[in-house]
Amino acid sequence: MQQIHAINFAPFAPRGAFAGPEAAGELCRMQELTGADAVIFCPGAVQTGPFVEEIDFTGRHTTSDEELLAMTQLAHDRGMRVFWKPAVNCLDGTWRARISFFDHDVPCETKWSGWFASYQAFQLHFAALAQQAGADMLILGCEMTQAERREAEWRRLIAAVRSVYAGAVSYNCDKYGEEHVSWWDALDVIASSGYYPIGQIDQNLDRIEPVVQHFQKPFFFAEAGCMQIAGSADVPNNWRLQGAPDPEEQARWYNALLTACQARPWFGGTAFWDWPLPPHAAADRYAFIQGPALDRIRAFYCAGKGR
């Protein structure tokens, strides 16, 4: 697999957000400022809470098909590879990793079978659209930790997706979850969220390497990032952390991650989180649209392309 130098662009953009020239201009700006050669678009579906079966991917929370096709075409025209990562979120604020049901069916209770039917409809919609768009990779969700134990359902989903989409297929597990997914063999690429503490990056890469060797699949971080606030480098996954602004700490974390990953021949690349659309950048503490972290990313991404 060609080394990935990617950015998660405007994740979970609502309907209409990609429709005007502003979004197209921001995608071009992101590429120019970061040196990225790939972009991840994250169309977001929603369910009301973690214990409901119904998933909505046609309403106002989800980027329209036409917008996604147009942005994908623009990225391709600019020479970027395009990965799609359709992911579900809970409207009540519960993290998607906590979506779960009884492992045995119980009358009058919601069931895995109903939820996976909804999830498969969601993924198949975007798989067929990804085939039409010529998307370079389809990532079948993100950080669905409680659902990952349902191996048979995931294997059926992957087979169904392959029946309509011919490109590379992956899945983005959560941090520390790489060795807990038993069905990596059914996919083309292993991906995870690389929000590891600055002092533990090397030991976690050491832990991930045997998984990559066992399954003999390419690996990359489909998400990775650190907030620009004091203390985030030690707990980069804690989006609720409060603290004083500290762009230098964010840059130190990026430098540590990139240095550690560059030293490992098996490591396939990164997709950093995230590049928001204006005017949301001010509220997005993971954003690196300016400052020393952006400089570090650009230097690494441009060097990787021989610029």
Protein backbone atom coordinates (compact mmCIF):
# COMPACT_ATOMS: atom_id res chain seq x y z
CA MET A 1 0.00 0.00 0.00
CA GLN A 2 1.28 3.46 -0.89
CA GLN A 3 2.12 5.51 2.21
CA ILE A 4 -0.91 7.52 3.35
CA HIS A 5 -0.59 11.23 4.19
CA ALA A 6 -4.21 12.12 4.86
CA ILE A 7 -6.52 14.47 6.75
CA ASN A 8 -10.05 13.84 8.06
CA PHE A 9 -11.86 16.73 6.38
CA ALA A 10 -14.97 18.32 7.95
CA PRO A 11 -16.12 15.10 9.67
CA PHE A 12 -19.87 14.51 9.94
CA ALA A 13 -20.65 17.59 7.85
CA PRO A 14 -24.45 18.11 7.84
CA ARG A 15 -26.54 18.31 4.70
CA GLY A 16 -25.68 21.42 2.73
CA ALA A 17 -22.27 22.03 4.29
CA PHE A 18 -20.42 20.88 1.16
CA ALA A 19 -22.81 22.54 -1.27
CA GLY A 20 -21.23 25.97 -1.72
CA PRO A 21 -17.86 27.19 -2.98
CA GLU A 22 -16.60 27.73 0.58
CA ALA A 23 -16.19 24.01 1.25
CA ALA A 24 -14.43 23.43 -2.06
CA GLY A 25 -12.09 26.30 -1.34
CA GLU A 26 -11.35 24.97 2.13
CA LEU A 27 -10.50 21.52 0.73
CA CYS A 28 -7.99 23.15 -1.64
CA ARG A 29 -6.59 25.21 1.25
CA MET A 30 -6.22 22.10 3.40
CA GLN A 31 -4.25 20.30 0.70
CA GLU A 32 -1.98 23.27 0.09
CA LEU A 33 -1.26 23.94 3.76
CA THR A 34 -0.77 20.34 4.89
CA GLY A 35 0.73 18.69 1.81
CA ALA A 36 -1.81 15.86 2.17
CA ASP A 37 -2.03 13.38 -0.69
CA ALA A 38 -5.26 11.80 0.58
CA VAL A 39 -8.45 12.93 2.29
CA ILE A 40 -11.04 11.12 4.39
CA PHE A 41 -14.67 12.18 4.15
CA CYS A 42 -16.87 10.98 7.03
CA PRO A 43 -20.57 10.96 6.15
CA GLY A 44 -22.37 10.66 9.45
CA ALA A 45 -25.55 8.74 10.20
CA VAL A 46 -27.40 9.14 13.49
CA GLN A 47 -29.40 7.09 15.95
CA THR A 48 -31.19 8.61 18.91
CA GLY A 49 -29.26 6.64 21.53
CA PRO A 50 -26.98 3.62 22.00
CA PHE A 51 -29.75 1.05 22.47
CA VAL A 52 -31.99 1.73 19.44
CA GLU A 53 -31.99 -0.22 16.18
CA GLU A 54 -32.94 2.53 13.72
CA ILE A 55 -30.19 4.47 11.94
CA ASP A 56 -31.00 7.58 9.89
CA PHE A 57 -28.65 8.37 7.01
CA THR A 58 -31.02 10.41 4.81
CA GLY A 59 -31.80 13.40 7.03
CA ARG A 60 -30.23 16.75 7.79
CA HIS A 61 -27.35 15.25 9.79
CA THR A 62 -25.90 13.46 6.74
CA THR A 63 -24.02 14.97 3.80
CA SER A 64 -26.10 14.56 0.64
CA ASP A 65 -24.98 12.12 -2.04
CA GLU A 66 -24.58 14.94 -4.55
CA GLU A 67 -22.33 16.96 -2.23
CA LEU A 68 -20.16 13.96 -1.44
CA LEU A 69 -19.79 13.03 -5.11
CA ALA A 70 -18.81 16.59 -6.02
CA MET A 71 -16.22 16.88 -3.23
CA THR A 72 -14.78 13.49 -4.14
CA GLN A 73 -14.44 14.56 -7.77
CA LEU A 74 -12.69 17.77 -6.70
CA ALA A 75 -10.22 15.88 -4.52
CA HIS A 76 -9.49 13.42 -7.33
CA ASP A 77 -9.04 16.28 -9.78
CA ARG A 78 -6.43 17.70 -7.42
CA GLY A 79 -4.54 14.41 -7.33
CA MET A 80 -5.64 13.20 -3.90
CA ARG A 81 -6.77 9.71 -3.04
CA VAL A 82 -10.20 9.73 -1.43
CA PHE A 83 -11.30 7.45 1.40
CA TRP A 84 -14.85 7.39 2.75
CA LYS A 85 -15.55 6.53 6.37
CA PRO A 86 -19.33 6.38 6.96
CA ALA A 87 -19.83 6.42 10.73
CA VAL A 88 -22.83 6.50 13.06
CA ASN A 89 -23.24 8.85 16.04
CA CYS A 90 -25.78 9.00 18.85
CA LEU A 91 -27.89 12.13 19.09
CA ASP A 92 -27.93 11.90 22.89
CA GLY A 93 -24.15 12.35 22.96
CA THR A 94 -23.25 8.75 23.81
CA TRP A 95 -20.01 7.69 22.12
CA ARG A 96 -20.66 5.19 19.33
CA ALA A 97 -18.27 2.69 20.97
CA ARG A 98 -20.98 2.10 23.59
CA ILE A 99 -23.71 1.03 21.16
CA SER A 100 -24.66 -2.44 22.36
CA PHE A 101 -27.47 -4.97 22.83
CA PHE A 102 -28.00 -8.30 24.59
CA ASP A 103 -26.03 -11.11 22.97
CA HIS A 104 -29.14 -13.28 23.19
CA ASP A 105 -32.53 -12.15 21.91
CA VAL A 106 -35.00 -11.05 24.57
CA PRO A 107 -38.68 -10.34 23.80
CA CYS A 108 -39.58 -6.64 23.87
CA GLU A 109 -35.88 -5.62 23.84
CA THR A 110 -33.96 -4.17 20.91
CA LYS A 111 -31.67 -6.64 19.16
CA TRP A 112 -28.35 -6.85 17.36
CA SER A 113 -30.16 -8.29 14.33
CA GLY A 114 -32.29 -5.18 13.92
CA TRP A 115 -29.37 -2.84 14.43
CA PHE A 116 -27.07 -4.65 11.99
CA ALA A 117 -29.85 -4.61 9.38
CA SER A 118 -29.95 -0.82 9.73
CA TYR A 119 -26.17 -0.53 9.79
CA GLN A 120 -25.80 -2.70 6.70
CA ALA A 121 -28.35 -0.58 4.81
CA PHE A 122 -26.34 2.51 5.78
CA GLN A 123 -23.00 1.04 4.72
CA LEU A 124 -24.35 -0.48 1.51
CA HIS A 125 -25.81 2.87 0.44
CA PHE A 126 -22.39 4.51 0.69
CA ALA A 127 -20.61 1.46 -0.74
CA ALA A 128 -22.65 1.68 -3.94
CA LEU A 129 -22.07 5.44 -4.04
CA ALA A 130 -18.34 4.94 -3.41
CA GLN A 131 -18.19 2.61 -6.40
CA GLN A 132 -19.88 5.28 -8.52
CA ALA A 133 -17.46 7.93 -7.23
CA GLY A 134 -14.35 5.80 -7.64
CA ALA A 135 -13.44 6.23 -3.98
CA ASP A 136 -10.07 4.65 -3.28
CA MET A 137 -10.99 3.07 0.07
CA LEU A 138 -14.15 2.45 2.06
CA ILE A 139 -13.78 2.30 5.84
CA LEU A 140 -16.81 0.53 7.32
CA GLY A 141 -17.27 2.61 10.43
CA CYS A 142 -15.24 3.86 13.32
CA GLU A 143 -14.68 2.86 16.94
CA MET A 144 -17.64 0.47 17.21
CA THR A 145 -16.01 -1.27 20.15
CA GLN A 146 -19.00 -3.07 21.66
CA ALA A 147 -20.21 -4.18 18.23
CA GLU A 148 -16.86 -5.68 17.20
CA ARG A 149 -17.52 -8.90 19.11
CA ARG A 150 -20.33 -9.74 16.65
CA GLU A 151 -17.93 -11.37 14.20
CA ALA A 152 -20.51 -13.16 12.06
CA GLU A 153 -22.46 -9.97 11.42
CA TRP A 154 -19.33 -8.06 10.43
CA ARG A 155 -18.27 -10.80 8.04
CA ARG A 156 -21.71 -10.75 6.39
CA LEU A 157 -21.54 -6.96 6.14
CA ILE A 158 -18.09 -7.04 4.53
CA ALA A 159 -19.21 -9.66 2.00
CA ALA A 160 -22.29 -7.59 1.14
CA VAL A 161 -20.18 -4.46 0.68
CA ARG A 162 -17.76 -6.30 -1.61
CA SER A 163 -20.71 -7.27 -3.81
CA VAL A 164 -21.24 -3.60 -4.73
CA TYR A 165 -17.84 -1.96 -4.14
CA ALA A 166 -14.61 -3.07 -5.81
CA GLY A 167 -12.09 -0.87 -3.97
CA ALA A 168 -10.09 -1.46 -0.80
CA VAL A 169 -12.18 -2.14 2.31
CA SER A 170 -11.11 -1.34 5.85
CA TYR A 171 -12.48 -0.68 9.34
CA ASN A 172 -11.29 1.83 11.98
CA CYS A 173 -11.12 0.28 15.46
CA ASP A 174 -10.57 2.36 18.56
CA LYS A 175 -7.23 2.91 20.27
CA TYR A 176 -6.05 -0.17 22.21
CA GLY A 177 -8.47 -2.31 20.18
CA GLU A 178 -6.22 -3.53 17.41
CA GLU A 179 -5.68 -7.04 18.82
CA HIS A 180 -9.34 -7.47 19.77
CA VAL A 181 -10.80 -7.54 16.24
CA SER A 182 -10.94 -11.17 15.11
CA TRP A 183 -12.07 -10.50 11.54
CA TRP A 184 -9.22 -8.38 10.14
CA ASP A 185 -8.56 -11.20 7.68
CA ALA A 186 -11.80 -10.31 5.85
CA LEU A 187 -10.55 -6.78 5.13
CA ASP A 188 -7.82 -5.32 2.93
CA VAL A 189 -6.40 -2.81 5.40
CA ILE A 190 -6.23 -2.61 9.21
CA ALA A 191 -6.91 0.83 10.65
CA SER A 192 -7.21 2.26 14.13
CA SER A 193 -7.44 5.53 16.05
CA GLY A 194 -3.97 6.54 17.19
CA TYR A 195 -4.74 8.75 20.18
CA TYR A 196 -1.89 7.46 22.32
CA PRO A 197 -0.19 9.33 25.20
CA ILE A 198 3.02 11.02 24.15
CA GLY A 199 5.10 8.86 26.50
CA GLN A 200 3.52 5.59 25.33
CA ILE A 201 3.55 5.91 21.54
CA ASP A 202 6.46 3.53 21.01
CA GLN A 203 5.12 0.83 23.33
CA ASN A 204 1.74 0.92 21.61
CA LEU A 205 3.33 0.64 18.18
CA ASP A 206 5.24 -2.35 19.58
CA ARG A 207 1.90 -3.84 20.66
CA ILE A 208 0.26 -3.22 17.27
CA GLU A 209 3.10 -4.67 15.17
CA PRO A 210 2.35 -8.37 15.96
CA VAL A 211 -1.27 -7.85 14.87
CA VAL A 212 -0.09 -6.48 11.53
CA GLN A 213 2.38 -9.34 11.16
CA HIS A 214 -0.21 -11.97 12.06
CA PHE A 215 -2.82 -10.81 9.55
CA GLN A 216 -0.29 -9.68 6.91
CA LYS A 217 -2.33 -6.59 6.10
CA PRO A 218 -1.31 -2.95 5.60
CA PHE A 219 -1.93 -0.73 8.62
CA PHE A 220 -2.52 2.98 9.15
CA PHE A 221 -4.03 5.36 11.68
CA ALA A 222 -7.37 6.40 10.15
CA GLU A 223 -7.57 8.94 12.96
CA ALA A 224 -4.91 10.49 15.18
CA GLY A 225 -4.69 13.82 16.89
CA CYS A 226 -4.08 15.91 19.98
CA MET A 227 -5.88 18.99 21.22
CA GLN A 228 -4.07 22.30 21.44
CA ILE A 229 -4.57 22.61 25.20
CA ALA A 230 -2.28 21.93 28.12
CA GLY A 231 -2.28 18.28 29.21
CA SER A 232 -3.73 16.84 26.00
CA ALA A 233 -0.47 15.17 24.97
CA ASP A 234 -0.82 12.82 27.94
CA VAL A 235 -4.51 12.00 27.23
CA PRO A 236 -5.09 12.86 23.56
CA ASN A 237 -8.26 10.75 23.45
CA ASN A 238 -9.96 12.81 26.18
CA TRP A 239 -12.01 15.34 24.21
CA ARG A 240 -13.58 16.60 27.45
CA LEU A 241 -10.24 17.75 28.89
CA GLN A 242 -10.15 21.37 30.04
CA GLY A 243 -7.02 23.49 30.14
CA ALA A 244 -5.18 26.54 28.89
CA PRO A 245 -4.41 26.84 25.17
CA ASP A 246 -1.05 25.25 24.34
CA PRO A 247 -0.31 24.96 20.61
CA GLU A 248 3.29 23.97 21.39
CA GLU A 249 2.14 20.89 23.32
CA GLN A 250 0.00 19.86 20.37
CA ALA A 251 3.03 20.23 18.10
CA ARG A 252 5.23 18.17 20.44
CA TRP A 253 2.69 15.34 20.32
CA TYR A 254 2.58 15.41 16.51
CA ASN A 255 6.35 15.42 16.36
CA ALA A 256 6.58 12.43 18.71
CA LEU A 257 3.98 10.42 16.78
CA LEU A 258 5.44 11.15 13.36
CA THR A 259 8.99 10.40 14.51
CA ALA A 260 7.97 7.06 16.03
CA CYS A 261 5.90 6.00 13.02
CA GLN A 262 8.56 6.99 10.50
CA ALA A 263 11.00 4.59 12.16
CA ARG A 264 8.77 1.55 11.48
CA PRO A 265 8.81 0.11 7.94
CA TRP A 266 5.48 -1.69 8.43
CA PHE A 267 3.61 1.51 9.29
CA GLY A 268 1.39 2.64 6.40
CA GLY A 269 0.53 6.22 7.23
CA THR A 270 -1.72 8.62 9.07
CA ALA A 271 -5.00 10.49 8.65
CA PHE A 272 -5.03 13.33 11.16
CA TRP A 273 -8.10 14.58 13.02
CA ASP A 274 -9.23 17.05 11.88
CA TRP A 275 -9.73 19.94 9.44
CA PRO A 276 -13.08 21.63 10.20
CA LEU A 277 -15.02 23.99 7.99
CA PRO A 278 -15.21 27.63 9.03
CA PRO A 279 -16.65 28.94 11.30
CA HIS A 280 -16.31 25.76 13.40
CA ALA A 281 -12.52 25.85 13.69
CA ALA A 282 -12.53 28.10 16.75
CA ALA A 283 -14.57 25.54 18.71
CA ASP A 284 -12.65 22.48 17.43
CA ARG A 285 -9.76 22.03 19.84
CA TYR A 286 -8.26 19.22 17.74
CA ALA A 287 -7.94 21.55 14.75
CA PHE A 288 -4.46 22.44 13.50
CA ILE A 289 -5.36 24.91 10.76
CA GLN A 290 -2.55 27.18 11.92
CA GLY A 291 0.39 27.06 14.31
CA PRO A 292 3.36 24.77 14.94
CA ALA A 293 1.44 21.48 14.61
CA LEU A 294 0.44 22.40 11.07
CA ASP A 295 4.07 23.22 10.27
CA ARG A 296 5.17 19.82 11.56
CA ILE A 297 2.51 17.94 9.58
CA ARG A 298 3.32 19.79 6.39
CA ALA A 299 7.05 19.19 6.75
CA PHE A 300 6.48 15.46 7.23
CA TYR A 301 3.87 15.07 4.49
CA CYS A 302 5.85 17.04 1.93
CA ALA A 303 9.07 15.20 2.75
CA GLY A 304 7.22 11.92 2.29
CA LYS A 305 6.28 12.94 -1.23
CA GLY A 306 9.81 14.01 -2.07
CA ARG A 307 8.98 17.71 -2.27
